[in-house]
Amino acid sequence: MAAYVIADVNITDPDLFKKYSEQVPATVEQYGGKYLIRGGMIERHEGDWEPTRVVIIEFENMSTLKQWYSSHEYSGPLQIRQQSADTNVLFLEGI
């Protein structure tokens, strides 16, 4: 079953976050991931959630998603993201 990373990213250091954005796509691709949403306009219709930047990445399954997230290749970019943004991250399975 497909698995998805859904992230709500509030960038706090745009210059440092740019380095993250440049490094991550290669790691996602290496693990067979595919960006479905990466930024773009957000228009809230219900509720009180106020995301600033939403990213959704699809992986073949949860195991592969977790391998990517905990991989050596992603560890450096992950540290950069954690230093340059406040982020909420979910892992979900679905079709």
N, C-alpha and C. Protein backbone atom coordinates (compact mmCIF):
# COMPACT_ATOMS: atom_id res chain seq x y z
N MET A 1 0.85 -1.18 0.00
CA MET A 1 0.00 0.00 0.00
C MET A 1 0.90 1.24 0.00
N ALA A 2 0.54 2.23 -0.78
CA ALA A 2 1.31 3.48 -0.85
C ALA A 2 1.34 4.15 0.52
N ALA A 3 2.42 4.88 0.76
CA ALA A 3 2.57 5.64 2.01
C ALA A 3 2.99 7.06 1.66
N TYR A 4 2.57 8.00 2.49
CA TYR A 4 2.76 9.41 2.20
C TYR A 4 3.36 10.14 3.39
N VAL A 5 4.25 11.06 3.10
CA VAL A 5 4.72 12.04 4.07
C VAL A 5 3.91 13.30 3.81
N ILE A 6 3.28 13.82 4.83
CA ILE A 6 2.60 15.10 4.73
C ILE A 6 3.26 16.02 5.73
N ALA A 7 3.79 17.13 5.24
CA ALA A 7 4.49 18.07 6.11
C ALA A 7 3.89 19.46 5.96
N ASP A 8 3.73 20.12 7.09
CA ASP A 8 3.33 21.52 7.17
C ASP A 8 4.58 22.25 7.63
N VAL A 9 5.16 23.06 6.76
CA VAL A 9 6.47 23.65 6.99
C VAL A 9 6.36 25.16 7.14
N ASN A 10 6.81 25.67 8.28
CA ASN A 10 6.88 27.11 8.52
C ASN A 10 8.36 27.49 8.50
N ILE A 11 8.82 28.06 7.41
CA ILE A 11 10.23 28.39 7.21
C ILE A 11 10.61 29.57 8.10
N THR A 12 11.65 29.38 8.91
CA THR A 12 12.12 30.43 9.82
C THR A 12 13.44 31.04 9.36
N ASP A 13 14.20 30.34 8.54
CA ASP A 13 15.47 30.83 7.99
C ASP A 13 15.50 30.49 6.50
N PRO A 14 14.98 31.39 5.65
CA PRO A 14 14.87 31.09 4.22
C PRO A 14 16.19 30.74 3.53
N ASP A 15 17.28 31.40 3.90
CA ASP A 15 18.56 31.11 3.26
C ASP A 15 19.03 29.69 3.58
N LEU A 16 18.93 29.29 4.83
CA LEU A 16 19.33 27.94 5.21
C LEU A 16 18.36 26.91 4.63
N PHE A 17 17.06 27.22 4.62
CA PHE A 17 16.08 26.29 4.09
C PHE A 17 16.31 26.05 2.59
N LYS A 18 16.82 27.03 1.88
CA LYS A 18 17.12 26.86 0.46
C LYS A 18 18.12 25.71 0.26
N LYS A 19 19.09 25.58 1.15
CA LYS A 19 20.05 24.48 1.07
C LYS A 19 19.33 23.14 1.23
N TYR A 20 18.38 23.09 2.15
CA TYR A 20 17.57 21.88 2.34
C TYR A 20 16.82 21.54 1.05
N SER A 21 16.16 22.53 0.50
CA SER A 21 15.36 22.33 -0.72
C SER A 21 16.19 21.84 -1.89
N GLU A 22 17.44 22.23 -1.92
CA GLU A 22 18.33 21.80 -3.01
C GLU A 22 18.82 20.37 -2.82
N GLN A 23 18.91 19.90 -1.59
CA GLN A 23 19.48 18.58 -1.30
C GLN A 23 18.45 17.45 -1.25
N VAL A 24 17.24 17.76 -0.84
CA VAL A 24 16.26 16.70 -0.55
C VAL A 24 15.75 15.94 -1.78
N PRO A 25 15.45 16.59 -2.90
CA PRO A 25 14.88 15.83 -4.03
C PRO A 25 15.69 14.60 -4.44
N ALA A 26 17.01 14.69 -4.43
CA ALA A 26 17.83 13.53 -4.80
C ALA A 26 17.64 12.38 -3.82
N THR A 27 17.47 12.69 -2.53
CA THR A 27 17.26 11.61 -1.55
C THR A 27 15.89 10.98 -1.73
N VAL A 28 14.89 11.79 -2.00
CA VAL A 28 13.53 11.27 -2.24
C VAL A 28 13.55 10.35 -3.45
N GLU A 29 14.17 10.81 -4.53
CA GLU A 29 14.23 10.02 -5.76
C GLU A 29 14.98 8.70 -5.54
N GLN A 30 16.06 8.75 -4.77
CA GLN A 30 16.85 7.55 -4.51
C GLN A 30 16.02 6.45 -3.86
N TYR A 31 15.02 6.82 -3.07
CA TYR A 31 14.17 5.85 -2.39
C TYR A 31 12.83 5.65 -3.11
N GLY A 32 12.76 6.09 -4.35
CA GLY A 32 11.57 5.86 -5.15
C GLY A 32 10.41 6.77 -4.82
N GLY A 33 10.67 7.83 -4.07
CA GLY A 33 9.61 8.76 -3.70
C GLY A 33 9.27 9.71 -4.82
N LYS A 34 8.09 10.29 -4.73
CA LYS A 34 7.62 11.22 -5.75
C LYS A 34 6.87 12.36 -5.06
N TYR A 35 7.28 13.59 -5.37
CA TYR A 35 6.57 14.74 -4.83
C TYR A 35 5.20 14.85 -5.49
N LEU A 36 4.15 14.97 -4.69
CA LEU A 36 2.81 15.22 -5.20
C LEU A 36 2.46 16.70 -5.03
N ILE A 37 2.90 17.28 -3.92
CA ILE A 37 2.69 18.69 -3.63
C ILE A 37 3.97 19.21 -2.98
N ARG A 38 4.41 20.36 -3.43
CA ARG A 38 5.61 20.98 -2.86
C ARG A 38 5.41 22.49 -2.89
N GLY A 39 4.77 22.99 -1.84
CA GLY A 39 4.48 24.41 -1.79
C GLY A 39 3.22 24.73 -2.59
N GLY A 40 3.09 25.96 -2.99
CA GLY A 40 1.92 26.38 -3.76
C GLY A 40 0.90 27.08 -2.87
N MET A 41 -0.09 27.63 -3.52
CA MET A 41 -1.12 28.40 -2.83
C MET A 41 -1.95 27.49 -1.92
N ILE A 42 -2.30 28.02 -0.76
CA ILE A 42 -3.16 27.31 0.19
C ILE A 42 -4.38 28.18 0.44
N GLU A 43 -5.54 27.58 0.32
CA GLU A 43 -6.79 28.29 0.59
C GLU A 43 -7.62 27.46 1.56
N ARG A 44 -7.74 27.93 2.78
CA ARG A 44 -8.48 27.20 3.81
C ARG A 44 -9.98 27.40 3.60
N HIS A 45 -10.73 26.31 3.72
CA HIS A 45 -12.19 26.37 3.58
C HIS A 45 -12.92 26.07 4.87
N GLU A 46 -12.34 25.24 5.74
CA GLU A 46 -12.97 24.88 7.01
C GLU A 46 -11.90 24.72 8.07
N GLY A 47 -12.31 24.84 9.32
CA GLY A 47 -11.42 24.61 10.44
C GLY A 47 -10.51 25.79 10.71
N ASP A 48 -9.52 25.53 11.59
CA ASP A 48 -8.64 26.62 11.99
C ASP A 48 -7.17 26.32 11.72
N TRP A 49 -6.89 25.30 10.91
CA TRP A 49 -5.53 24.98 10.54
C TRP A 49 -5.01 26.05 9.60
N GLU A 50 -3.83 26.61 9.88
CA GLU A 50 -3.23 27.66 9.07
C GLU A 50 -1.84 27.24 8.58
N PRO A 51 -1.76 26.25 7.70
CA PRO A 51 -0.44 25.84 7.21
C PRO A 51 0.17 26.95 6.35
N THR A 52 1.50 27.01 6.34
CA THR A 52 2.17 28.01 5.52
C THR A 52 2.76 27.42 4.26
N ARG A 53 3.19 26.17 4.33
CA ARG A 53 3.75 25.47 3.16
C ARG A 53 3.48 23.99 3.38
N VAL A 54 2.80 23.36 2.43
CA VAL A 54 2.47 21.95 2.56
C VAL A 54 3.27 21.16 1.53
N VAL A 55 3.81 20.03 1.98
CA VAL A 55 4.55 19.13 1.10
C VAL A 55 3.97 17.73 1.29
N ILE A 56 3.69 17.06 0.17
CA ILE A 56 3.23 15.67 0.20
C ILE A 56 4.13 14.86 -0.72
N ILE A 57 4.72 13.79 -0.16
CA ILE A 57 5.60 12.90 -0.92
C ILE A 57 5.04 11.49 -0.84
N GLU A 58 4.97 10.83 -1.97
CA GLU A 58 4.46 9.46 -2.04
C GLU A 58 5.61 8.46 -2.16
N PHE A 59 5.53 7.39 -1.39
CA PHE A 59 6.47 6.28 -1.47
C PHE A 59 5.69 5.00 -1.74
N GLU A 60 6.38 3.97 -2.20
CA GLU A 60 5.74 2.70 -2.54
C GLU A 60 5.02 2.09 -1.34
N ASN A 61 5.63 2.20 -0.16
CA ASN A 61 5.04 1.63 1.04
C ASN A 61 5.64 2.31 2.27
N MET A 62 5.09 2.00 3.44
CA MET A 62 5.55 2.62 4.68
C MET A 62 6.99 2.24 5.01
N SER A 63 7.36 1.01 4.71
CA SER A 63 8.72 0.57 4.99
C SER A 63 9.74 1.42 4.22
N THR A 64 9.49 1.66 2.95
CA THR A 64 10.40 2.46 2.13
C THR A 64 10.42 3.90 2.60
N LEU A 65 9.26 4.44 2.96
CA LEU A 65 9.18 5.80 3.48
C LEU A 65 10.07 5.93 4.73
N LYS A 66 9.94 4.99 5.65
CA LYS A 66 10.72 5.05 6.89
C LYS A 66 12.21 4.84 6.63
N GLN A 67 12.53 4.00 5.64
CA GLN A 67 13.94 3.83 5.27
C GLN A 67 14.52 5.15 4.79
N TRP A 68 13.77 5.86 3.94
CA TRP A 68 14.23 7.17 3.46
C TRP A 68 14.41 8.13 4.63
N TYR A 69 13.40 8.25 5.48
CA TYR A 69 13.42 9.24 6.56
C TYR A 69 14.58 9.02 7.52
N SER A 70 14.93 7.77 7.76
CA SER A 70 16.01 7.48 8.70
C SER A 70 17.34 7.19 8.00
N SER A 71 17.41 7.44 6.70
CA SER A 71 18.60 7.11 5.92
C SER A 71 19.75 8.07 6.18
N HIS A 72 20.94 7.59 5.89
CA HIS A 72 22.15 8.43 5.94
C HIS A 72 22.02 9.59 4.94
N GLU A 73 21.46 9.31 3.78
CA GLU A 73 21.33 10.34 2.74
C GLU A 73 20.45 11.50 3.18
N TYR A 74 19.42 11.22 3.96
CA TYR A 74 18.51 12.28 4.38
C TYR A 74 18.92 12.91 5.71
N SER A 75 19.83 12.30 6.45
CA SER A 75 20.15 12.80 7.79
C SER A 75 20.70 14.22 7.78
N GLY A 76 21.57 14.55 6.83
CA GLY A 76 22.11 15.91 6.74
C GLY A 76 21.03 16.93 6.41
N PRO A 77 20.27 16.70 5.33
CA PRO A 77 19.19 17.63 5.02
C PRO A 77 18.16 17.75 6.15
N LEU A 78 17.87 16.65 6.83
CA LEU A 78 16.91 16.69 7.94
C LEU A 78 17.38 17.67 9.02
N GLN A 79 18.66 17.62 9.35
CA GLN A 79 19.19 18.55 10.34
C GLN A 79 19.05 20.00 9.88
N ILE A 80 19.29 20.23 8.60
CA ILE A 80 19.14 21.59 8.05
C ILE A 80 17.69 22.03 8.17
N ARG A 81 16.74 21.14 7.83
CA ARG A 81 15.33 21.51 7.94
C ARG A 81 14.96 21.83 9.37
N GLN A 82 15.42 21.02 10.29
CA GLN A 82 15.08 21.24 11.69
C GLN A 82 15.66 22.56 12.23
N GLN A 83 16.74 23.03 11.63
CA GLN A 83 17.34 24.30 12.03
C GLN A 83 16.69 25.49 11.33
N SER A 84 16.03 25.26 10.20
CA SER A 84 15.54 26.38 9.39
C SER A 84 14.03 26.47 9.27
N ALA A 85 13.30 25.55 9.93
CA ALA A 85 11.85 25.55 9.82
C ALA A 85 11.21 24.85 11.02
N ASP A 86 10.02 25.28 11.34
CA ASP A 86 9.17 24.56 12.30
C ASP A 86 8.24 23.70 11.47
N THR A 87 8.25 22.40 11.72
CA THR A 87 7.54 21.48 10.82
C THR A 87 6.71 20.47 11.60
N ASN A 88 5.51 20.23 11.10
CA ASN A 88 4.67 19.12 11.55
C ASN A 88 4.71 18.08 10.45
N VAL A 89 4.96 16.83 10.81
CA VAL A 89 5.13 15.76 9.82
C VAL A 89 4.25 14.58 10.18
N LEU A 90 3.53 14.06 9.19
CA LEU A 90 2.72 12.86 9.35
C LEU A 90 3.17 11.82 8.34
N PHE A 91 3.11 10.53 8.73
CA PHE A 91 3.27 9.40 7.82
C PHE A 91 1.91 8.74 7.73
N LEU A 92 1.40 8.53 6.52
CA LEU A 92 0.09 7.91 6.34
C LEU A 92 0.14 6.86 5.24
N GLU A 93 -0.67 5.82 5.41
CA GLU A 93 -0.88 4.84 4.34
C GLU A 93 -2.21 5.15 3.65
N GLY A 94 -2.28 4.81 2.38
CA GLY A 94 -3.54 5.02 1.66
C GLY A 94 -3.40 4.72 0.19
N ILE A 95 -4.49 4.94 -0.52
CA ILE A 95 -4.49 4.72 -1.97
C ILE A 95 -4.52 6.03 -2.69
